[in-house]
Amino acid sequence: GEVVFQSRRHALHEAALQRLVDAGLTYPCYCTRREIREAT
């Protein structure tokens, strides 16, 4: 078949993301990389 480009599949990614949000499986994270590094 044709070469598939991930950048053209955002609708699929967004739909999957919304499913996870709707299922209550996600949460927003405000941590910066520095804060995470310091915590680890």
All heavy atoms as atom14 arrays in JSON, in Angstrom:
{
  "sequence": "GEVVFQSRRHALHEAALQRLVDAGLTYPCYCTRREIREAT",
  "atom14_mask": [
    [1, 1, 1, 1, 0, 0, 0, 0, 0, 0, 0, 0, 0, 0],
    [1, 1, 1, 1, 1, 1, 1, 1, 1, 0, 0, 0, 0, 0],
    [1, 1, 1, 1, 1, 1, 1, 0, 0, 0, 0, 0, 0, 0],
    [1, 1, 1, 1, 1, 1, 1, 0, 0, 0, 0, 0, 0, 0],
    [1, 1, 1, 1, 1, 1, 1, 1, 1, 1, 1, 0, 0, 0],
    [1, 1, 1, 1, 1, 1, 1, 1, 1, 0, 0, 0, 0, 0],
    [1, 1, 1, 1, 1, 1, 0, 0, 0, 0, 0, 0, 0, 0],
    [1, 1, 1, 1, 1, 1, 1, 1, 1, 1, 1, 0, 0, 0],
    [1, 1, 1, 1, 1, 1, 1, 1, 1, 1, 1, 0, 0, 0],
    [1, 1, 1, 1, 1, 1, 1, 1, 1, 1, 0, 0, 0, 0],
    [1, 1, 1, 1, 1, 0, 0, 0, 0, 0, 0, 0, 0, 0],
    [1, 1, 1, 1, 1, 1, 1, 1, 0, 0, 0, 0, 0, 0],
    [1, 1, 1, 1, 1, 1, 1, 1, 1, 1, 0, 0, 0, 0],
    [1, 1, 1, 1, 1, 1, 1, 1, 1, 0, 0, 0, 0, 0],
    [1, 1, 1, 1, 1, 0, 0, 0, 0, 0, 0, 0, 0, 0],
    [1, 1, 1, 1, 1, 0, 0, 0, 0, 0, 0, 0, 0, 0],
    [1, 1, 1, 1, 1, 1, 1, 1, 0, 0, 0, 0, 0, 0],
    [1, 1, 1, 1, 1, 1, 1, 1, 1, 0, 0, 0, 0, 0],
    [1, 1, 1, 1, 1, 1, 1, 1, 1, 1, 1, 0, 0, 0],
    [1, 1, 1, 1, 1, 1, 1, 1, 0, 0, 0, 0, 0, 0],
    [1, 1, 1, 1, 1, 1, 1, 0, 0, 0, 0, 0, 0, 0],
    [1, 1, 1, 1, 1, 1, 1, 1, 0, 0, 0, 0, 0, 0],
    [1, 1, 1, 1, 1, 0, 0, 0, 0, 0, 0, 0, 0, 0],
    [1, 1, 1, 1, 0, 0, 0, 0, 0, 0, 0, 0, 0, 0],
    [1, 1, 1, 1, 1, 1, 1, 1, 0, 0, 0, 0, 0, 0],
    [1, 1, 1, 1, 1, 1, 1, 0, 0, 0, 0, 0, 0, 0],
    [1, 1, 1, 1, 1, 1, 1, 1, 1, 1, 1, 1, 0, 0],
    [1, 1, 1, 1, 1, 1, 1, 0, 0, 0, 0, 0, 0, 0],
    [1, 1, 1, 1, 1, 1, 0, 0, 0, 0, 0, 0, 0, 0],
    [1, 1, 1, 1, 1, 1, 1, 1, 1, 1, 1, 1, 0, 0],
    [1, 1, 1, 1, 1, 1, 0, 0, 0, 0, 0, 0, 0, 0],
    [1, 1, 1, 1, 1, 1, 1, 0, 0, 0, 0, 0, 0, 0],
    [1, 1, 1, 1, 1, 1, 1, 1, 1, 1, 1, 0, 0, 0],
    [1, 1, 1, 1, 1, 1, 1, 1, 1, 1, 1, 0, 0, 0],
    [1, 1, 1, 1, 1, 1, 1, 1, 1, 0, 0, 0, 0, 0],
    [1, 1, 1, 1, 1, 1, 1, 1, 0, 0, 0, 0, 0, 0],
    [1, 1, 1, 1, 1, 1, 1, 1, 1, 1, 1, 0, 0, 0],
    [1, 1, 1, 1, 1, 1, 1, 1, 1, 0, 0, 0, 0, 0],
    [1, 1, 1, 1, 1, 0, 0, 0, 0, 0, 0, 0, 0, 0],
    [1, 1, 1, 1, 1, 1, 1, 0, 0, 0, 0, 0, 0, 0]
  ],
  "atom14_positions": [
    [[0.8, -1.21, 0.0], [0.0, 0.0, 0.0], [0.84, 1.26, 0.0], [2.05, 1.25, -0.23], [0.0, 0.0, 0.0], [0.0, 0.0, 0.0], [0.0, 0.0, 0.0], [0.0, 0.0, 0.0], [0.0, 0.0, 0.0], [0.0, 0.0, 0.0], [0.0, 0.0, 0.0], [0.0, 0.0, 0.0], [0.0, 0.0, 0.0], [0.0, 0.0, 0.0]],
    [[0.16, 2.37, 0.26], [0.82, 3.66, 0.3], [1.5, 3.88, 1.66], [1.12, 3.28, 2.66], [-0.2, 4.78, 0.08], [-0.91, 4.73, -1.27], [0.05, 4.97, -2.44], [0.98, 5.79, -2.26], [-0.15, 4.36, -3.5], [0.0, 0.0, 0.0], [0.0, 0.0, 0.0], [0.0, 0.0, 0.0], [0.0, 0.0, 0.0], [0.0, 0.0, 0.0]],
    [[2.49, 4.74, 1.65], [3.12, 5.12, 2.92], [2.1, 5.87, 3.77], [1.36, 6.73, 3.28], [4.35, 6.03, 2.66], [4.96, 6.49, 3.99], [5.38, 5.29, 1.81], [0.0, 0.0, 0.0], [0.0, 0.0, 0.0], [0.0, 0.0, 0.0], [0.0, 0.0, 0.0], [0.0, 0.0, 0.0], [0.0, 0.0, 0.0], [0.0, 0.0, 0.0]],
    [[2.04, 5.51, 5.05], [1.11, 6.14, 5.98], [1.84, 7.25, 6.73], [2.99, 7.07, 7.14], [0.55, 5.1, 6.98], [-0.32, 5.76, 8.04], [-0.24, 4.02, 6.24], [0.0, 0.0, 0.0], [0.0, 0.0, 0.0], [0.0, 0.0, 0.0], [0.0, 0.0, 0.0], [0.0, 0.0, 0.0], [0.0, 0.0, 0.0], [0.0, 0.0, 0.0]],
    [[1.18, 8.39, 6.91], [1.78, 9.51, 7.61], [1.03, 9.76, 8.91], [-0.18, 10.03, 8.9], [1.77, 10.77, 6.74], [2.71, 10.68, 5.57], [2.27, 10.15, 4.36], [4.03, 11.09, 5.69], [3.15, 10.04, 3.28], [4.91, 10.99, 4.61], [4.47, 10.45, 3.41], [0.0, 0.0, 0.0], [0.0, 0.0, 0.0], [0.0, 0.0, 0.0]],
    [[1.74, 9.66, 10.01], [1.12, 9.82, 11.32], [0.49, 11.2, 11.48], [-0.55, 11.35, 12.12], [2.17, 9.58, 12.4], [1.61, 9.32, 13.78], [2.68, 8.89, 14.75], [3.67, 9.59, 14.94], [2.48, 7.74, 15.38], [0.0, 0.0, 0.0], [0.0, 0.0, 0.0], [0.0, 0.0, 0.0], [0.0, 0.0, 0.0], [0.0, 0.0, 0.0]],
    [[1.1, 12.22, 10.88], [0.61, 13.59, 11.02], [-0.77, 13.79, 10.39], [-1.45, 14.79, 10.69], [1.6, 14.57, 10.38], [1.74, 14.29, 8.99], [0.0, 0.0, 0.0], [0.0, 0.0, 0.0], [0.0, 0.0, 0.0], [0.0, 0.0, 0.0], [0.0, 0.0, 0.0], [0.0, 0.0, 0.0], [0.0, 0.0, 0.0], [0.0, 0.0, 0.0]],
    [[-1.19, 12.86, 9.54], [-2.5, 12.97, 8.89], [-3.57, 12.19, 9.64], [-4.7, 12.03, 9.14], [-2.4, 12.48, 7.45], [-1.39, 13.26, 6.6], [-1.22, 12.66, 5.23], [-0.13, 13.31, 4.49], [0.31, 12.91, 3.3], [-0.26, 11.86, 2.7], [1.32, 13.54, 2.71], [0.0, 0.0, 0.0], [0.0, 0.0, 0.0], [0.0, 0.0, 0.0]],
    [[-3.24, 11.7, 10.8], [-4.15, 10.83, 11.54], [-4.6, 11.45, 12.87], [-4.98, 10.75, 13.8], [-3.45, 9.49, 11.78], [-3.01, 8.83, 10.48], [-2.09, 7.64, 10.71], [-2.77, 6.53, 11.35], [-3.53, 5.65, 10.71], [-3.74, 5.77, 9.41], [-4.11, 4.66, 11.36], [0.0, 0.0, 0.0], [0.0, 0.0, 0.0], [0.0, 0.0, 0.0]],
    [[-4.54, 12.77, 12.94], [-4.86, 13.45, 14.2], [-6.29, 13.16, 14.66], [-6.56, 13.1, 15.87], [-4.65, 14.96, 14.07], [-3.22, 15.38, 14.17], [-2.37, 14.91, 15.14], [-2.48, 16.25, 13.41], [-1.18, 15.45, 14.99], [-1.21, 16.25, 13.95], [0.0, 0.0, 0.0], [0.0, 0.0, 0.0], [0.0, 0.0, 0.0], [0.0, 0.0, 0.0]],
    [[-7.22, 13.0, 13.71], [-8.6, 12.75, 14.1], [-8.72, 11.45, 14.88], [-9.46, 11.37, 15.87], [-9.5, 12.71, 12.86], [0.0, 0.0, 0.0], [0.0, 0.0, 0.0], [0.0, 0.0, 0.0], [0.0, 0.0, 0.0], [0.0, 0.0, 0.0], [0.0, 0.0, 0.0], [0.0, 0.0, 0.0], [0.0, 0.0, 0.0], [0.0, 0.0, 0.0]],
    [[-7.98, 10.43, 14.46], [-7.97, 9.15, 15.19], [-7.37, 9.32, 16.58], [-7.89, 8.79, 17.56], [-7.17, 8.11, 14.41], [-7.82, 7.49, 13.17], [-6.82, 6.63, 12.43], [-9.04, 6.67, 13.57], [0.0, 0.0, 0.0], [0.0, 0.0, 0.0], [0.0, 0.0, 0.0], [0.0, 0.0, 0.0], [0.0, 0.0, 0.0], [0.0, 0.0, 0.0]],
    [[-6.26, 10.05, 16.65], [-5.6, 10.26, 17.94], [-6.52, 11.04, 18.89], [-6.63, 10.69, 20.07], [-4.29, 11.03, 17.74], [-3.36, 10.4, 16.76], [-2.44, 11.11, 16.03], [-3.21, 9.11, 16.38], [-1.76, 10.3, 15.25], [-2.21, 9.08, 15.44], [0.0, 0.0, 0.0], [0.0, 0.0, 0.0], [0.0, 0.0, 0.0], [0.0, 0.0, 0.0]],
    [[-7.16, 12.08, 18.37], [-8.03, 12.9, 19.2], [-9.23, 12.1, 19.7], [-9.67, 12.26, 20.84], [-8.49, 14.13, 18.42], [-7.38, 15.14, 18.11], [-6.84, 15.82, 19.36], [-7.51, 15.75, 20.41], [-5.75, 16.42, 19.28], [0.0, 0.0, 0.0], [0.0, 0.0, 0.0], [0.0, 0.0, 0.0], [0.0, 0.0, 0.0], [0.0, 0.0, 0.0]],
    [[-9.77, 11.25, 18.84], [-10.92, 10.43, 19.25], [-10.53, 9.47, 20.37], [-11.29, 9.28, 21.33], [-11.47, 9.67, 18.04], [0.0, 0.0, 0.0], [0.0, 0.0, 0.0], [0.0, 0.0, 0.0], [0.0, 0.0, 0.0], [0.0, 0.0, 0.0], [0.0, 0.0, 0.0], [0.0, 0.0, 0.0], [0.0, 0.0, 0.0], [0.0, 0.0, 0.0]],
    [[-9.35, 8.86, 20.25], [-8.88, 7.95, 21.29], [-8.63, 8.72, 22.59], [-8.97, 8.24, 23.68], [-7.6, 7.25, 20.83], [0.0, 0.0, 0.0], [0.0, 0.0, 0.0], [0.0, 0.0, 0.0], [0.0, 0.0, 0.0], [0.0, 0.0, 0.0], [0.0, 0.0, 0.0], [0.0, 0.0, 0.0], [0.0, 0.0, 0.0], [0.0, 0.0, 0.0]],
    [[-8.05, 9.9, 22.46], [-7.79, 10.73, 23.64], [-9.1, 11.07, 24.35], [-9.2, 10.98, 25.58], [-7.06, 12.0, 23.19], [-6.46, 12.89, 24.26], [-5.4, 12.16, 25.06], [-5.86, 14.14, 23.6], [0.0, 0.0, 0.0], [0.0, 0.0, 0.0], [0.0, 0.0, 0.0], [0.0, 0.0, 0.0], [0.0, 0.0, 0.0], [0.0, 0.0, 0.0]],
    [[-10.1, 11.42, 23.58], [-11.39, 11.78, 24.18], [-12.03, 10.59, 24.88], [-12.66, 10.74, 25.93], [-12.33, 12.34, 23.11], [-13.57, 13.01, 23.67], [-13.23, 14.18, 24.58], [-12.46, 15.07, 24.21], [-13.81, 14.21, 25.78], [0.0, 0.0, 0.0], [0.0, 0.0, 0.0], [0.0, 0.0, 0.0], [0.0, 0.0, 0.0], [0.0, 0.0, 0.0]],
    [[-11.86, 9.4, 24.32], [-12.39, 8.19, 24.97], [-11.78, 8.0, 26.36], [-12.47, 7.65, 27.32], [-12.1, 6.95, 24.12], [-13.01, 6.77, 22.92], [-12.61, 5.54, 22.13], [-12.59, 4.34, 22.96], [-12.02, 3.19, 22.59], [-11.41, 3.11, 21.41], [-12.06, 2.15, 23.39], [0.0, 0.0, 0.0], [0.0, 0.0, 0.0], [0.0, 0.0, 0.0]],
    [[-10.49, 8.24, 26.46], [-9.81, 8.08, 27.74], [-10.26, 9.15, 28.73], [-10.43, 8.88, 29.92], [-8.3, 8.14, 27.53], [-7.71, 7.01, 26.67], [-6.23, 7.26, 26.41], [-7.9, 5.65, 27.35], [0.0, 0.0, 0.0], [0.0, 0.0, 0.0], [0.0, 0.0, 0.0], [0.0, 0.0, 0.0], [0.0, 0.0, 0.0], [0.0, 0.0, 0.0]],
    [[-10.44, 10.38, 28.24], [-10.92, 11.46, 29.1], [-12.33, 11.15, 29.6], [-12.64, 11.26, 30.79], [-10.9, 12.81, 28.35], [-11.59, 13.9, 29.17], [-9.46, 13.22, 28.04], [0.0, 0.0, 0.0], [0.0, 0.0, 0.0], [0.0, 0.0, 0.0], [0.0, 0.0, 0.0], [0.0, 0.0, 0.0], [0.0, 0.0, 0.0], [0.0, 0.0, 0.0]],
    [[-13.21, 10.72, 28.67], [-14.6, 10.43, 29.03], [-14.69, 9.29, 30.03], [-15.63, 9.23, 30.84], [-15.41, 10.1, 27.78], [-15.59, 11.29, 26.86], [-15.37, 12.43, 27.32], [-15.95, 11.09, 25.68], [0.0, 0.0, 0.0], [0.0, 0.0, 0.0], [0.0, 0.0, 0.0], [0.0, 0.0, 0.0], [0.0, 0.0, 0.0], [0.0, 0.0, 0.0]],
    [[-13.74, 8.36, 29.96], [-13.74, 7.22, 30.88], [-13.16, 7.57, 32.24], [-13.13, 6.71, 33.15], [-12.96, 6.06, 30.26], [0.0, 0.0, 0.0], [0.0, 0.0, 0.0], [0.0, 0.0, 0.0], [0.0, 0.0, 0.0], [0.0, 0.0, 0.0], [0.0, 0.0, 0.0], [0.0, 0.0, 0.0], [0.0, 0.0, 0.0], [0.0, 0.0, 0.0]],
    [[-12.7, 8.81, 32.42], [-12.15, 9.24, 33.7], [-10.78, 8.66, 33.99], [-10.38, 8.58, 35.16], [0.0, 0.0, 0.0], [0.0, 0.0, 0.0], [0.0, 0.0, 0.0], [0.0, 0.0, 0.0], [0.0, 0.0, 0.0], [0.0, 0.0, 0.0], [0.0, 0.0, 0.0], [0.0, 0.0, 0.0], [0.0, 0.0, 0.0], [0.0, 0.0, 0.0]],
    [[-10.05, 8.32, 32.95], [-8.75, 7.68, 33.13], [-7.59, 8.65, 33.04], [-6.43, 8.24, 33.13], [-8.56, 6.57, 32.08], [-9.57, 5.43, 32.13], [-9.34, 4.45, 30.97], [-9.48, 4.69, 33.46], [0.0, 0.0, 0.0], [0.0, 0.0, 0.0], [0.0, 0.0, 0.0], [0.0, 0.0, 0.0], [0.0, 0.0, 0.0], [0.0, 0.0, 0.0]],
    [[-7.87, 9.93, 32.86], [-6.81, 10.91, 32.66], [-6.91, 12.04, 33.68], [-7.92, 12.19, 34.38], [-6.9, 11.53, 31.25], [-8.1, 12.31, 31.15], [-6.92, 10.45, 30.18], [0.0, 0.0, 0.0], [0.0, 0.0, 0.0], [0.0, 0.0, 0.0], [0.0, 0.0, 0.0], [0.0, 0.0, 0.0], [0.0, 0.0, 0.0], [0.0, 0.0, 0.0]],
    [[-5.86, 12.83, 33.75], [-5.89, 14.04, 34.57], [-4.88, 15.04, 34.02], [-3.87, 14.64, 33.41], [-5.61, 13.74, 36.05], [-4.24, 13.18, 36.35], [-3.15, 14.03, 36.58], [-4.03, 11.82, 36.43], [-1.89, 13.52, 36.89], [-2.78, 11.29, 36.73], [-1.72, 12.15, 36.96], [-0.47, 11.64, 37.26], [0.0, 0.0, 0.0], [0.0, 0.0, 0.0]],
    [[-5.13, 16.34, 34.22], [-4.18, 17.35, 33.75], [-2.97, 17.4, 34.68], [-3.09, 17.29, 35.89], [-4.98, 18.65, 33.8], [-6.02, 18.4, 34.85], [-6.35, 16.95, 34.77], [0.0, 0.0, 0.0], [0.0, 0.0, 0.0], [0.0, 0.0, 0.0], [0.0, 0.0, 0.0], [0.0, 0.0, 0.0], [0.0, 0.0, 0.0], [0.0, 0.0, 0.0]],
    [[-1.81, 17.57, 34.08], [-0.56, 17.65, 34.85], [0.11, 18.99, 34.55], [0.44, 19.29, 33.4], [0.38, 16.5, 34.48], [1.98, 16.57, 35.31], [0.0, 0.0, 0.0], [0.0, 0.0, 0.0], [0.0, 0.0, 0.0], [0.0, 0.0, 0.0], [0.0, 0.0, 0.0], [0.0, 0.0, 0.0], [0.0, 0.0, 0.0], [0.0, 0.0, 0.0]],
    [[0.32, 19.78, 35.62], [0.88, 21.12, 35.48], [2.39, 21.15, 35.76], [3.0, 22.21, 35.72], [0.16, 22.08, 36.43], [-1.31, 22.21, 36.15], [-2.22, 21.34, 36.75], [-1.8, 23.18, 35.28], [-3.58, 21.45, 36.5], [-3.15, 23.29, 35.03], [-4.04, 22.42, 35.63], [-5.39, 22.52, 35.37], [0.0, 0.0, 0.0], [0.0, 0.0, 0.0]],
    [[2.97, 20.0, 36.07], [4.38, 19.95, 36.46], [5.28, 20.33, 35.29], [5.05, 19.93, 34.15], [4.76, 18.54, 36.93], [3.91, 17.99, 38.41], [0.0, 0.0, 0.0], [0.0, 0.0, 0.0], [0.0, 0.0, 0.0], [0.0, 0.0, 0.0], [0.0, 0.0, 0.0], [0.0, 0.0, 0.0], [0.0, 0.0, 0.0], [0.0, 0.0, 0.0]],
    [[6.31, 21.09, 35.59], [7.34, 21.36, 34.59], [8.35, 20.21, 34.6], [8.39, 19.4, 35.54], [8.09, 22.66, 34.91], [8.79, 22.51, 36.16], [7.12, 23.83, 35.01], [0.0, 0.0, 0.0], [0.0, 0.0, 0.0], [0.0, 0.0, 0.0], [0.0, 0.0, 0.0], [0.0, 0.0, 0.0], [0.0, 0.0, 0.0], [0.0, 0.0, 0.0]],
    [[9.16, 20.13, 33.58], [10.18, 19.09, 33.53], [11.14, 19.2, 34.72], [11.57, 18.19, 35.27], [10.96, 19.16, 32.22], [10.14, 18.78, 31.0], [10.98, 18.81, 29.75], [10.21, 18.43, 28.57], [10.7, 18.37, 27.35], [11.98, 18.67, 27.14], [9.94, 18.01, 26.34], [0.0, 0.0, 0.0], [0.0, 0.0, 0.0], [0.0, 0.0, 0.0]],
    [[11.44, 20.43, 35.08], [12.34, 20.63, 36.22], [11.72, 20.1, 37.51], [12.41, 19.44, 38.3], [12.67, 22.11, 36.36], [13.59, 22.42, 37.54], [13.91, 23.9, 37.62], [14.72, 24.2, 38.79], [15.15, 25.42, 39.11], [14.85, 26.45, 38.32], [15.88, 25.61, 40.19], [0.0, 0.0, 0.0], [0.0, 0.0, 0.0], [0.0, 0.0, 0.0]],
    [[10.46, 20.38, 37.71], [9.79, 19.9, 38.92], [9.74, 18.38, 38.98], [9.94, 17.78, 40.04], [8.38, 20.49, 39.0], [8.37, 21.99, 39.29], [7.02, 22.63, 39.06], [6.16, 21.99, 38.39], [6.81, 23.75, 39.54], [0.0, 0.0, 0.0], [0.0, 0.0, 0.0], [0.0, 0.0, 0.0], [0.0, 0.0, 0.0], [0.0, 0.0, 0.0]],
    [[9.48, 17.77, 37.84], [9.46, 16.31, 37.8], [10.85, 15.75, 38.08], [11.01, 14.79, 38.84], [8.94, 15.82, 36.44], [7.47, 16.22, 36.26], [9.1, 14.3, 36.31], [6.94, 15.95, 34.88], [0.0, 0.0, 0.0], [0.0, 0.0, 0.0], [0.0, 0.0, 0.0], [0.0, 0.0, 0.0], [0.0, 0.0, 0.0], [0.0, 0.0, 0.0]],
    [[11.86, 16.36, 37.47], [13.23, 15.89, 37.68], [13.62, 16.0, 39.14], [14.22, 15.09, 39.71], [14.19, 16.7, 36.81], [15.64, 16.22, 36.89], [16.5, 16.89, 35.83], [16.52, 18.34, 35.98], [15.91, 19.18, 35.14], [15.23, 18.72, 34.11], [15.99, 20.48, 35.33], [0.0, 0.0, 0.0], [0.0, 0.0, 0.0], [0.0, 0.0, 0.0]],
    [[13.28, 17.11, 39.77], [13.62, 17.28, 41.18], [12.89, 16.27, 42.06], [13.45, 15.75, 43.02], [13.27, 18.71, 41.61], [14.21, 19.76, 41.01], [13.78, 21.19, 41.35], [12.65, 21.35, 41.88], [14.57, 22.12, 41.08], [0.0, 0.0, 0.0], [0.0, 0.0, 0.0], [0.0, 0.0, 0.0], [0.0, 0.0, 0.0], [0.0, 0.0, 0.0]],
    [[11.64, 15.97, 41.71], [10.88, 15.0, 42.5], [11.46, 13.6, 42.37], [11.53, 12.84, 43.34], [9.41, 15.0, 42.06], [0.0, 0.0, 0.0], [0.0, 0.0, 0.0], [0.0, 0.0, 0.0], [0.0, 0.0, 0.0], [0.0, 0.0, 0.0], [0.0, 0.0, 0.0], [0.0, 0.0, 0.0], [0.0, 0.0, 0.0], [0.0, 0.0, 0.0]],
    [[11.92, 13.27, 41.16], [12.47, 11.92, 40.96], [13.82, 11.75, 41.64], [14.24, 10.64, 41.93], [12.62, 11.59, 39.46], [13.52, 12.54, 38.86], [11.3, 11.63, 38.74], [0.0, 0.0, 0.0], [0.0, 0.0, 0.0], [0.0, 0.0, 0.0], [0.0, 0.0, 0.0], [0.0, 0.0, 0.0], [0.0, 0.0, 0.0], [0.0, 0.0, 0.0]]
  ]
}
